[in-house]
C-alpha atoms as a PDB file:
ATOM      1  CA  UNK A   1     108.991 130.486  77.001  1.00  0.00           C
ATOM      2  CA  UNK A   2     111.232 127.787  75.047  1.00  0.00           C
ATOM      3  CA  UNK A   3     114.596 129.753  76.007  1.00  0.00           C
ATOM      4  CA  UNK A   4     113.077 129.872  79.531  1.00  0.00           C
ATOM      5  CA  UNK A   5     112.654 126.013  79.611  1.00  0.00           C
ATOM      6  CA  UNK A   6     115.653 125.055  77.997  1.00  0.00           C
ATOM      7  CA  UNK A   7     117.779 127.275  80.589  1.00  0.00           C
ATOM      8  CA  UNK A   8     115.942 126.074  83.255  1.00  0.00           C
ATOM      9  CA  UNK A   9     116.050 122.367  82.333  1.00  0.00           C
ATOM     10  CA  UNK A  10     119.948 122.811  82.041  1.00  0.00           C
ATOM     11  CA  UNK A  11     120.302 124.214  85.335  1.00  0.00           C
ATOM     12  CA  UNK A  12     118.750 121.263  86.781  1.00  0.00           C
ATOM     13  CA  UNK A  13     120.202 118.680  85.013  1.00  0.00           C
ATOM     14  CA  UNK A  14     123.580 120.273  85.695  1.00  0.00           C
ATOM     15  CA  UNK A  15     122.802 120.639  89.479  1.00  0.00           C
ATOM     16  CA  UNK A  16     121.575 116.388  89.476  1.00  0.00           C
ATOM     17  CA  UNK A  17     124.725 115.606  87.567  1.00  0.00           C
ATOM     18  CA  UNK A  18     126.876 117.064  89.797  1.00  0.00           C
ATOM     19  CA  UNK A  19     125.213 115.605  92.965  1.00  0.00           C
ATOM     20  CA  UNK A  20     124.399 112.213  91.648  1.00  0.00           C
ATOM     21  CA  UNK A  21     124.408 111.174  88.088  1.00  0.00           C
ATOM     22  CA  UNK A  22     128.152 111.325  87.038  1.00  0.00           C
ATOM     23  CA  UNK A  23     129.043 108.377  89.428  1.00  0.00           C
ATOM     24  CA  UNK A  24     127.053 106.437  87.240  1.00  0.00           C
ATOM     25  CA  UNK A  25     128.547 107.346  84.053  1.00  0.00           C
ATOM     26  CA  UNK A  26     132.283 107.828  85.164  1.00  0.00           C
ATOM     27  CA  UNK A  27     134.768 107.813  82.623  1.00  0.00           C
ATOM     28  CA  UNK A  28     138.146 105.561  83.228  1.00  0.00           C
ATOM     29  CA  UNK A  29     140.063 106.712  79.795  1.00  0.00           C
ATOM     30  CA  UNK A  30     142.132 110.119  80.227  1.00  0.00           C
ATOM     31  CA  UNK A  31     141.017 111.137  76.962  1.00  0.00           C
ATOM     32  CA  UNK A  32     136.789 110.745  77.578  1.00  0.00           C
ATOM     33  CA  UNK A  33     136.745 112.291  80.510  1.00  0.00           C
ATOM     34  CA  UNK A  34     136.007 115.692  79.830  1.00  0.00           C
ATOM     35  CA  UNK A  35     134.247 115.387  76.418  1.00  0.00           C
ATOM     36  CA  UNK A  36     133.607 118.805  74.568  1.00  0.00           C
ATOM     37  CA  UNK A  37     130.137 118.079  74.301  1.00  0.00           C
ATOM     38  CA  UNK A  38     128.971 116.988  77.880  1.00  0.00           C
ATOM     39  CA  UNK A  39     127.157 115.100  79.207  1.00  0.00           C
ATOM     40  CA  UNK A  40     125.001 117.416  80.852  1.00  0.00           C
ATOM     41  CA  UNK A  41     124.556 118.873  77.484  1.00  0.00           C
ATOM     42  CA  UNK A  42     123.617 115.429  75.638  1.00  0.00           C
ATOM     43  CA  UNK A  43     120.671 114.896  78.708  1.00  0.00           C
ATOM     44  CA  UNK A  44     119.576 118.084  77.929  1.00  0.00           C
ATOM     45  CA  UNK A  45     118.840 118.289  74.377  1.00  0.00           C
ATOM     46  CA  UNK A  46     117.534 114.481  74.778  1.00  0.00           C
ATOM     47  CA  UNK A  47     115.017 115.350  77.441  1.00  0.00           C
ATOM     48  CA  UNK A  48     114.134 118.813  76.077  1.00  0.00           C
ATOM     49  CA  UNK A  49     113.390 117.223  72.578  1.00  0.00           C
ATOM     50  CA  UNK A  50     110.997 114.480  73.935  1.00  0.00           C
ATOM     51  CA  UNK A  51     109.224 116.853  76.628  1.00  0.00           C
ATOM     52  CA  UNK A  52     108.608 120.083  75.246  1.00  0.00           C
ATOM     53  CA  UNK A  53     109.048 119.459  71.079  1.00  0.00           C
ATOM     54  CA  UNK A  54     107.477 115.786  71.257  1.00  0.00           C
ATOM     55  CA  UNK A  55     110.795 114.385  69.191  1.00  0.00           C
ATOM     56  CA  UNK A  56     110.745 110.572  69.991  1.00  0.00           C
ATOM     57  CA  UNK A  57     113.021 109.150  67.584  1.00  0.00           C
ATOM     58  CA  UNK A  58     116.657 110.023  68.578  1.00  0.00           C
ATOM     59  CA  UNK A  59     117.170 110.766  64.999  1.00  0.00           C
ATOM     60  CA  UNK A  60     114.855 113.525  65.194  1.00  0.00           C
ATOM     61  CA  UNK A  61     116.398 114.480  68.226  1.00  0.00           C
ATOM     62  CA  UNK A  62     119.544 115.194  66.972  1.00  0.00           C
ATOM     63  CA  UNK A  63     118.381 117.104  63.814  1.00  0.00           C
ATOM     64  CA  UNK A  64     115.870 119.246  65.249  1.00  0.00           C
ATOM     65  CA  UNK A  65     119.313 120.240  67.944  1.00  0.00           C
ATOM     66  CA  UNK A  66     121.050 120.715  64.962  1.00  0.00           C
ATOM     67  CA  UNK A  67     118.673 122.951  63.300  1.00  0.00           C
ATOM     68  CA  UNK A  68     117.321 124.817  66.124  1.00  0.00           C
ATOM     69  CA  UNK A  69     120.114 124.625  68.717  1.00  0.00           C
ATOM     70  CA  UNK A  70     123.342 124.806  67.063  1.00  0.00           C
ATOM     71  CA  UNK A  71     124.711 127.930  68.507  1.00  0.00           C
ATOM     72  CA  UNK A  72     123.760 126.779  71.860  1.00  0.00           C
ATOM     73  CA  UNK A  73     125.192 123.564  71.636  1.00  0.00           C
ATOM     74  CA  UNK A  74     128.701 124.202  69.259  1.00  0.00           C
ATOM     75  CA  UNK A  75     130.045 120.734  69.855  1.00  0.00           C
ATOM     76  CA  UNK A  76     127.131 118.498  69.124  1.00  0.00           C
ATOM     77  CA  UNK A  77     128.549 115.465  67.549  1.00  0.00           C
ATOM     78  CA  UNK A  78     127.240 113.750  64.309  1.00  0.00           C
ATOM     79  CA  UNK A  79     124.104 111.179  64.619  1.00  0.00           C
ATOM     80  CA  UNK A  80     126.367 108.169  65.304  1.00  0.00           C
ATOM     81  CA  UNK A  81     128.425 109.397  68.023  1.00  0.00           C
ATOM     82  CA  UNK A  82     125.431 110.998  69.339  1.00  0.00           C
ATOM     83  CA  UNK A  83     123.532 107.700  69.830  1.00  0.00           C
ATOM     84  CA  UNK A  84     126.803 105.903  71.086  1.00  0.00           C
ATOM     85  CA  UNK A  85     127.181 108.311  73.713  1.00  0.00           C
ATOM     86  CA  UNK A  86     123.199 108.631  74.938  1.00  0.00           C
ATOM     87  CA  UNK A  87     123.143 104.483  75.010  1.00  0.00           C
ATOM     88  CA  UNK A  88     126.212 105.054  77.609  1.00  0.00           C
ATOM     89  CA  UNK A  89     124.285 107.007  79.717  1.00  0.00           C
ATOM     90  CA  UNK A  90     121.933 104.711  80.186  1.00  0.00           C
ATOM     91  CA  UNK A  91     122.554 103.762  83.689  1.00  0.00           C
ATOM     92  CA  UNK A  92     121.821 107.543  84.317  1.00  0.00           C
ATOM     93  CA  UNK A  93     118.141 107.596  83.434  1.00  0.00           C
ATOM     94  CA  UNK A  94     116.804 105.256  86.249  1.00  0.00           C
ATOM     95  CA  UNK A  95     118.692 107.092  88.899  1.00  0.00           C
ATOM     96  CA  UNK A  96     117.177 110.928  87.141  1.00  0.00           C
ATOM     97  CA  UNK A  97     113.782 109.286  87.368  1.00  0.00           C
ATOM     98  CA  UNK A  98     114.141 108.474  90.950  1.00  0.00           C
ATOM     99  CA  UNK A  99     115.469 111.740  91.571  1.00  0.00           C
ATOM    100  CA  UNK A 100     112.619 113.425  89.792  1.00  0.00           C
ATOM    101  CA  UNK A 101     110.400 111.585  91.702  1.00  0.00           C
ATOM    102  CA  UNK A 102     111.822 112.024  95.314  1.00  0.00           C
ATOM    103  CA  UNK A 103     111.764 115.867  94.341  1.00  0.00           C
ATOM    104  CA  UNK A 104     108.458 116.396  93.357  1.00  0.00           C
ATOM    105  CA  UNK A 105     106.050 113.500  93.654  1.00  0.00           C
ATOM    106  CA  UNK A 106     106.163 113.498  97.707  1.00  0.00           C
ATOM    107  CA  UNK A 107     105.011 117.022  97.823  1.00  0.00           C
ATOM    108  CA  UNK A 108     101.564 116.631  99.095  1.00  0.00           C
ATOM    109  CA  UNK A 109     101.041 113.171 100.186  1.00  0.00           C
ATOM    110  CA  UNK A 110      99.987 112.544 103.723  1.00  0.00           C
ATOM    111  CA  UNK A 111     101.367 110.046 105.907  1.00  0.00           C
ATOM    112  CA  UNK A 112      97.801 109.140 107.472  1.00  0.00           C
ATOM    113  CA  UNK A 113      95.108 107.515 105.656  1.00  0.00           C
ATOM    114  CA  UNK A 114      97.243 106.332 102.295  1.00  0.00           C
ATOM    115  CA  UNK A 115      95.294 105.295  99.852  1.00  0.00           C
ATOM    116  CA  UNK A 116      97.549 103.320  97.083  1.00  0.00           C
ATOM    117  CA  UNK A 117      96.950 102.189  93.706  1.00  0.00           C
ATOM    118  CA  UNK A 118      98.581 100.159  91.508  1.00  0.00           C
ATOM    119  CA  UNK A 119      98.742  99.262  87.607  1.00  0.00           C
ATOM    120  CA  UNK A 120     100.892  98.147  85.028  1.00  0.00           C
ATOM    121  CA  UNK A 121     101.131  98.559  80.851  1.00  0.00           C
ATOM    122  CA  UNK A 122     103.076  97.159  78.127  1.00  0.00           C
ATOM    123  CA  UNK A 123     106.365  98.372  76.478  1.00  0.00           C
ATOM    124  CA  UNK A 124     106.153  96.560  72.715  1.00  0.00           C
ATOM    125  CA  UNK A 125     109.429  96.085  71.072  1.00  0.00           C
ATOM    126  CA  UNK A 126     107.763  94.024  68.353  1.00  0.00           C
ATOM    127  CA  UNK A 127     104.196  92.291  67.571  1.00  0.00           C
ATOM    128  CA  UNK A 128     103.714  88.548  69.093  1.00  0.00           C
ATOM    129  CA  UNK A 129     103.707  87.371  65.661  1.00  0.00           C
ATOM    130  CA  UNK A 130     107.320  87.937  65.153  1.00  0.00           C
ATOM    131  CA  UNK A 131     110.699  86.611  67.082  1.00  0.00           C
ATOM    132  CA  UNK A 132     112.097  89.234  69.233  1.00  0.00           C
ATOM    133  CA  UNK A 133     115.668  89.649  69.354  1.00  0.00           C
ATOM    134  CA  UNK A 134     116.167  93.009  71.352  1.00  0.00           C
ATOM    135  CA  UNK A 135     117.154  92.904  74.917  1.00  0.00           C
ATOM    136  CA  UNK A 136     116.781  89.417  75.287  1.00  0.00           C
ATOM    137  CA  UNK A 137     117.506  89.864  78.935  1.00  0.00           C
ATOM    138  CA  UNK A 138     115.004  92.085  79.835  1.00  0.00           C
ATOM    139  CA  UNK A 139     111.947  91.174  77.485  1.00  0.00           C
ATOM    140  CA  UNK A 140     109.927  88.214  76.617  1.00  0.00           C
ATOM    141  CA  UNK A 141     106.847  87.558  74.808  1.00  0.00           C
ATOM    142  CA  UNK A 142     103.334  88.072  76.610  1.00  0.00           C
ATOM    143  CA  UNK A 143      99.721  88.610  76.418  1.00  0.00           C
ATOM    144  CA  UNK A 144      97.943  92.170  77.034  1.00  0.00           C
ATOM    145  CA  UNK A 145      94.314  91.277  77.760  1.00  0.00           C
ATOM    146  CA  UNK A 146      93.206  95.079  77.877  1.00  0.00           C
ATOM    147  CA  UNK A 147      94.140  95.127  74.115  1.00  0.00           C
ATOM    148  CA  UNK A 148      93.689  91.501  73.603  1.00  0.00           C
ATOM    149  CA  UNK A 149      97.303  91.079  72.166  1.00  0.00           C
ATOM    150  CA  UNK A 150     100.284  88.946  72.431  1.00  0.00           C
ATOM    151  CA  UNK A 151     103.408  91.055  72.211  1.00  0.00           C
ATOM    152  CA  UNK A 152     107.403  90.933  72.444  1.00  0.00           C
ATOM    153  CA  UNK A 153     108.344  93.084  75.452  1.00  0.00           C
ATOM    154  CA  UNK A 154     108.627  94.300  78.740  1.00  0.00           C
ATOM    155  CA  UNK A 155     106.019  95.865  81.166  1.00  0.00           C
ATOM    156  CA  UNK A 156     106.505  99.002  83.331  1.00  0.00           C
ATOM    157  CA  UNK A 157     104.661  98.516  86.795  1.00  0.00           C
ATOM    158  CA  UNK A 158     103.771 101.493  88.970  1.00  0.00           C
ATOM    159  CA  UNK A 159     102.609 102.685  92.872  1.00  0.00           C
ATOM    160  CA  UNK A 160     101.100 105.617  93.339  1.00  0.00           C
ATOM    161  CA  UNK A 161      99.118 107.518  95.875  1.00  0.00           C
ATOM    162  CA  UNK A 162      95.803 108.666  95.399  1.00  0.00           C
ATOM    163  CA  UNK A 163      95.381 112.162  95.152  1.00  0.00           C
ATOM    164  CA  UNK A 164      91.925 113.983  95.093  1.00  0.00           C
ATOM    165  CA  UNK A 165      91.760 115.825  91.433  1.00  0.00           C
ATOM    166  CA  UNK A 166      94.623 115.118  90.077  1.00  0.00           C
ATOM    167  CA  UNK A 167      97.201 112.267  89.185  1.00  0.00           C
ATOM    168  CA  UNK A 168      98.449 109.886  91.685  1.00  0.00           C
ATOM    169  CA  UNK A 169     101.933 110.775  93.378  1.00  0.00           C
ATOM    170  CA  UNK A 170     104.480 107.889  92.460  1.00  0.00           C
ATOM    171  CA  UNK A 171     106.193 105.724  94.316  1.00  0.00           C
ATOM    172  CA  UNK A 172     107.169 102.727  92.625  1.00  0.00           C
ATOM    173  CA  UNK A 173     108.486 102.465  89.166  1.00  0.00           C
ATOM    174  CA  UNK A 174     109.712  99.365  87.740  1.00  0.00           C
ATOM    175  CA  UNK A 175     110.312  97.193  84.561  1.00  0.00           C
ATOM    176  CA  UNK A 176     109.752  93.447  84.677  1.00  0.00           C
ATOM    177  CA  UNK A 177     109.281  90.546  81.525  1.00  0.00           C
ATOM    178  CA  UNK A 178     106.194  90.924  79.442  1.00  0.00           C
ATOM    179  CA  UNK A 179     105.393  87.404  80.590  1.00  0.00           C
ATOM    180  CA  UNK A 180     105.456  87.856  84.282  1.00  0.00           C
ATOM    181  CA  UNK A 181     102.054  88.296  86.142  1.00  0.00           C
ATOM    182  CA  UNK A 182     101.590  91.525  87.280  1.00  0.00           C
ATOM    183  CA  UNK A 183     101.117  90.369  91.050  1.00  0.00           C
ATOM    184  CA  UNK A 184     104.378  88.141  91.078  1.00  0.00           C
ATOM    185  CA  UNK A 185     105.920  91.386  89.692  1.00  0.00           C
ATOM    186  CA  UNK A 186     105.049  93.561  92.825  1.00  0.00           C
ATOM    187  CA  UNK A 187     104.564  90.745  95.263  1.00  0.00           C
ATOM    188  CA  UNK A 188     107.667  91.635  97.587  1.00  0.00           C
ATOM    189  CA  UNK A 189     107.128  95.245  97.312  1.00  0.00           C
ATOM    190  CA  UNK A 190     103.717  95.321  98.446  1.00  0.00           C
ATOM    191  CA  UNK A 191     104.349  92.447 101.385  1.00  0.00           C
ATOM    192  CA  UNK A 192     106.765  94.790 102.366  1.00  0.00           C
ATOM    193  CA  UNK A 193     103.983  97.859 102.996  1.00  0.00           C
ATOM    194  CA  UNK A 194     101.768  98.642 106.172  1.00  0.00           C
ATOM    195  CA  UNK A 195      98.742 100.689 106.853  1.00  0.00           C
ATOM    196  CA  UNK A 196      97.419 101.373 103.500  1.00  0.00           C
ATOM    197  CA  UNK A 197      94.277 100.324 101.423  1.00  0.00           C
ATOM    198  CA  UNK A 198      95.562  99.028  98.115  1.00  0.00           C
ATOM    199  CA  UNK A 199      92.995  99.352  95.112  1.00  0.00           C
ATOM    200  CA  UNK A 200      94.432  97.163  92.643  1.00  0.00           C
ATOM    201  CA  UNK A 201      93.060  95.163  89.405  1.00  0.00           C
ATOM    202  CA  UNK A 202      91.572  91.406  89.445  1.00  0.00           C
ATOM    203  CA  UNK A 203      94.698  90.004  88.714  1.00  0.00           C
ATOM    204  CA  UNK A 204      95.580  90.996  92.488  1.00  0.00           C
ATOM    205  CA  UNK A 205      93.184  88.663  94.001  1.00  0.00           C
ATOM    206  CA  UNK A 206      95.432  86.895  95.992  1.00  0.00           C
ATOM    207  CA  UNK A 207      94.447  85.480  99.839  1.00  0.00           C
ATOM    208  CA  UNK A 208      98.041  85.469 101.220  1.00  0.00           C
ATOM    209  CA  UNK A 209      98.385  89.436  99.822  1.00  0.00           C
ATOM    210  CA  UNK A 210      94.745  90.206 101.408  1.00  0.00           C
ATOM    211  CA  UNK A 211      95.588  88.807 104.670  1.00  0.00           C
ATOM    212  CA  UNK A 212      98.713  90.572 105.169  1.00  0.00           C
ATOM    213  CA  UNK A 213      96.760  93.495 104.453  1.00  0.00           C
ATOM    214  CA  UNK A 214      94.565  92.881 106.870  1.00  0.00           C
ATOM    215  CA  UNK A 215      97.478  91.964 109.511  1.00  0.00           C
ATOM    216  CA  UNK A 216      99.223  95.124 108.988  1.00  0.00           C
ATOM    217  CA  UNK A 217      96.454  97.687 109.437  1.00  0.00           C
ATOM    218  CA  UNK A 218      95.702  97.854 105.656  1.00  0.00           C
ATOM    219  CA  UNK A 219      93.021  96.675 103.073  1.00  0.00           C
ATOM    220  CA  UNK A 220      93.440  95.242  99.673  1.00  0.00           C
ATOM    221  CA  UNK A 221      90.384  96.017  97.340  1.00  0.00           C
ATOM    222  CA  UNK A 222      90.159  94.567  94.303  1.00  0.00           C
ATOM    223  CA  UNK A 223      86.887  94.154  91.637  1.00  0.00           C
ATOM    224  CA  UNK A 224      85.158  90.953  92.583  1.00  0.00           C
ATOM    225  CA  UNK A 225      86.590  87.781  91.239  1.00  0.00           C
ATOM    226  CA  UNK A 226      84.049  84.744  90.573  1.00  0.00           C
ATOM    227  CA  UNK A 227      85.471  81.874  92.479  1.00  0.00           C
ATOM    228  CA  UNK A 228      86.469  78.681  90.083  1.00  0.00           C
ATOM    229  CA  UNK A 229      83.292  76.303  90.015  1.00  0.00           C
ATOM    230  CA  UNK A 230      80.965  78.988  91.017  1.00  0.00           C
ATOM    231  CA  UNK A 231      77.358  78.652  89.636  1.00  0.00           C
ATOM    232  CA  UNK A 232      75.244  80.767  87.529  1.00  0.00           C
ATOM    233  CA  UNK A 233      72.552  80.943  90.192  1.00  0.00           C
ATOM    234  CA  UNK A 234      74.866  82.341  92.794  1.00  0.00           C
ATOM    235  CA  UNK A 235      76.643  84.679  90.364  1.00  0.00           C
ATOM    236  CA  UNK A 236      73.269  86.409  89.327  1.00  0.00           C
ATOM    237  CA  UNK A 237      71.896  86.274  92.841  1.00  0.00           C
ATOM    238  CA  UNK A 238      75.179  89.012  93.976  1.00  0.00           C
ATOM    239  CA  UNK A 239      75.055  90.596  90.475  1.00  0.00           C
ATOM    240  CA  UNK A 240      73.837  93.839  91.749  1.00  0.00           C
ATOM    241  CA  UNK A 241      75.915  94.048  94.779  1.00  0.00           C
ATOM    242  CA  UNK A 242      79.110  92.879  92.971  1.00  0.00           C
ATOM    243  CA  UNK A 243      78.644  95.147  90.040  1.00  0.00           C
ATOM    244  CA  UNK A 244      78.226  98.457  92.367  1.00  0.00           C
ATOM    245  CA  UNK A 245      81.563  97.076  94.069  1.00  0.00           C
ATOM    246  CA  UNK A 246      83.535  96.425  91.278  1.00  0.00           C
ATOM    247  CA  UNK A 247      82.468  99.801  89.899  1.00  0.00           C
ATOM    248  CA  UNK A 248      83.874 101.736  92.656  1.00  0.00           C
ATOM    249  CA  UNK A 249      87.129 100.235  93.460  1.00  0.00           C
ATOM    250  CA  UNK A 250      87.765 101.196  89.218  1.00  0.00           C
ATOM    251  CA  UNK A 251      86.432 104.354  89.858  1.00  0.00           C
ATOM    252  CA  UNK A 252      89.010 105.250  92.969  1.00  0.00           C
ATOM    253  CA  UNK A 253      91.724 102.994  90.633  1.00  0.00           C
ATOM    254  CA  UNK A 254      91.147 105.332  87.635  1.00  0.00           C
ATOM    255  CA  UNK A 255      94.130 108.066  88.170  1.00  0.00           C
ATOM    256  CA  UNK A 256      96.571 105.292  88.103  1.00  0.00           C
ATOM    257  CA  UNK A 257      95.343 104.318  84.585  1.00  0.00           C
ATOM    258  CA  UNK A 258      95.187 108.087  83.336  1.00  0.00           C
ATOM    259  CA  UNK A 259      99.154 108.525  84.712  1.00  0.00           C
ATOM    260  CA  UNK A 260     100.000 105.511  82.192  1.00  0.00           C
ATOM    261  CA  UNK A 261      97.285 107.236  79.543  1.00  0.00           C
ATOM    262  CA  UNK A 262      99.031 110.673  80.470  1.00  0.00           C
ATOM    263  CA  UNK A 263     102.560 108.999  79.705  1.00  0.00           C
ATOM    264  CA  UNK A 264     101.552 107.272  76.665  1.00  0.00           C
ATOM    265  CA  UNK A 265     100.150 110.765  75.380  1.00  0.00           C
ATOM    266  CA  UNK A 266     103.365 112.917  75.977  1.00  0.00           C
ATOM    267  CA  UNK A 267     105.882 110.221  74.928  1.00  0.00           C
ATOM    268  CA  UNK A 268     104.460 107.460  73.222  1.00  0.00           C
ATOM    269  CA  UNK A 269     106.580 105.821  75.375  1.00  0.00           C
ATOM    270  CA  UNK A 270     104.469 102.261  74.578  1.00  0.00           C
ATOM    271  CA  UNK A 271     106.047 101.481  71.328  1.00  0.00           C
ATOM    272  CA  UNK A 272     109.740 100.596  70.979  1.00  0.00           C
ATOM    273  CA  UNK A 273     110.000  98.983  67.888  1.00  0.00           C
ATOM    274  CA  UNK A 274     113.168 101.371  67.020  1.00  0.00           C
ATOM    275  CA  UNK A 275     115.247 100.027  69.893  1.00  0.00           C
ATOM    276  CA  UNK A 276     117.967  98.350  68.643  1.00  0.00           C
ATOM    277  CA  UNK A 277     119.682  96.962  72.126  1.00  0.00           C
ATOM    278  CA  UNK A 278     119.377  96.538  76.023  1.00  0.00           C
ATOM    279  CA  UNK A 279     120.822 100.168  76.825  1.00  0.00           C
ATOM    280  CA  UNK A 280     118.592 101.629  74.379  1.00  0.00           C
ATOM    281  CA  UNK A 281     115.439 100.080  75.878  1.00  0.00           C
ATOM    282  CA  UNK A 282     116.423 101.701  79.174  1.00  0.00           C
ATOM    283  CA  UNK A 283     117.083 104.906  77.638  1.00  0.00           C
ATOM    284  CA  UNK A 284     113.875 104.594  75.886  1.00  0.00           C
ATOM    285  CA  UNK A 285     111.610 103.744  78.897  1.00  0.00           C
ATOM    286  CA  UNK A 286     113.401 105.826  81.939  1.00  0.00           C
ATOM    287  CA  UNK A 287     114.280 108.824  79.339  1.00  0.00           C
ATOM    288  CA  UNK A 288     110.931 108.868  78.600  1.00  0.00           C
ATOM    289  CA  UNK A 289     109.236 108.624  82.196  1.00  0.00           C
ATOM    290  CA  UNK A 290     111.858 111.366  82.928  1.00  0.00           C
ATOM    291  CA  UNK A 291     111.129 113.691  80.264  1.00  0.00           C
ATOM    292  CA  UNK A 292     107.265 113.456  81.102  1.00  0.00           C
ATOM    293  CA  UNK A 293     108.171 114.498  84.670  1.00  0.00           C
ATOM    294  CA  UNK A 294     110.257 117.720  83.984  1.00  0.00           C
ATOM    295  CA  UNK A 295     107.840 119.011  81.189  1.00  0.00           C
ATOM    296  CA  UNK A 296     105.224 118.864  84.055  1.00  0.00           C
ATOM    297  CA  UNK A 297     107.611 120.502  86.662  1.00  0.00           C
ATOM    298  CA  UNK A 298     109.503 123.208  84.771  1.00  0.00           C
ATOM    299  CA  UNK A 299     106.745 124.087  82.984  1.00  0.00           C
ATOM    300  CA  UNK A 300     104.965 124.674  86.493  1.00  0.00           C
ATOM    301  CA  UNK A 301     108.392 126.374  88.249  1.00  0.00           C
ATOM    302  CA  UNK A 302     108.288 128.877  85.217  1.00  0.00           C
ATOM    303  CA  UNK A 303     104.761 129.816  85.434  1.00  0.00           C
ATOM    304  CA  UNK A 304     105.563 130.214  89.454  1.00  0.00           C
ATOM    305  CA  UNK A 305     108.248 132.803  88.808  1.00  0.00           C
ATOM    306  CA  UNK A 306     106.432 134.527  86.405  1.00  0.00           C
END
């Protein structure tokens, strides 16, 4: 099974590299135009180690490849060169994720009666007690209410379509600074949507957005958020109905939370404390998302073929 997974992955990476990825990592010097250890091999070793062997540190990925697959990749460079080459491919990983989403995630989504779900999660480069110095153009200090902690890093925002009995089909993935409010990070995307019911958390309680959905054959549904200055008596009067409604909304929203939990479990994506550069952070976030999607769909393809 392991050999089949590696072969399947290499062929897929090679195919998509020729179609699209090569244009995002072109080399303009003659000596580096065709390296002995190709970009396809580099992407394959990284994605394979993360997806199927749960090796998350680049040092562990390189060491694993050297010990177990050196005969398959005889031109594998030393660790330092491997890291440099991987960071140079940083622009490739968001494109790879987009291609994976387009290729696999659109299957089974109906164009009628769409139910969309949205959520976000923190990617932590260091704790809030320290002054973050990595990827300052992408990261800043924020607060995560779920974990009750201040942290330095960024947020991963996701929008997906509800599918009964399984994880949602991903539609949008984007990153933003940790301090940015979830609604503001997604407002432009959501104001361009029509004809869907969006289930979101309390952060999306917004009159203008709710009106936009209502005016465009859609609906925005969030847990009940009490108005500022609302009396205790009024809260108690509507408590039973509000709790039932909020529970129903949260239950439908639960799959998007499960999607992020699945990413964390399979790739340890939240912990980015070992990242030392902006390019390294891009590789960390989108490389691990790509690896998670690949682990799911390549296993499915192998099981179907067998």
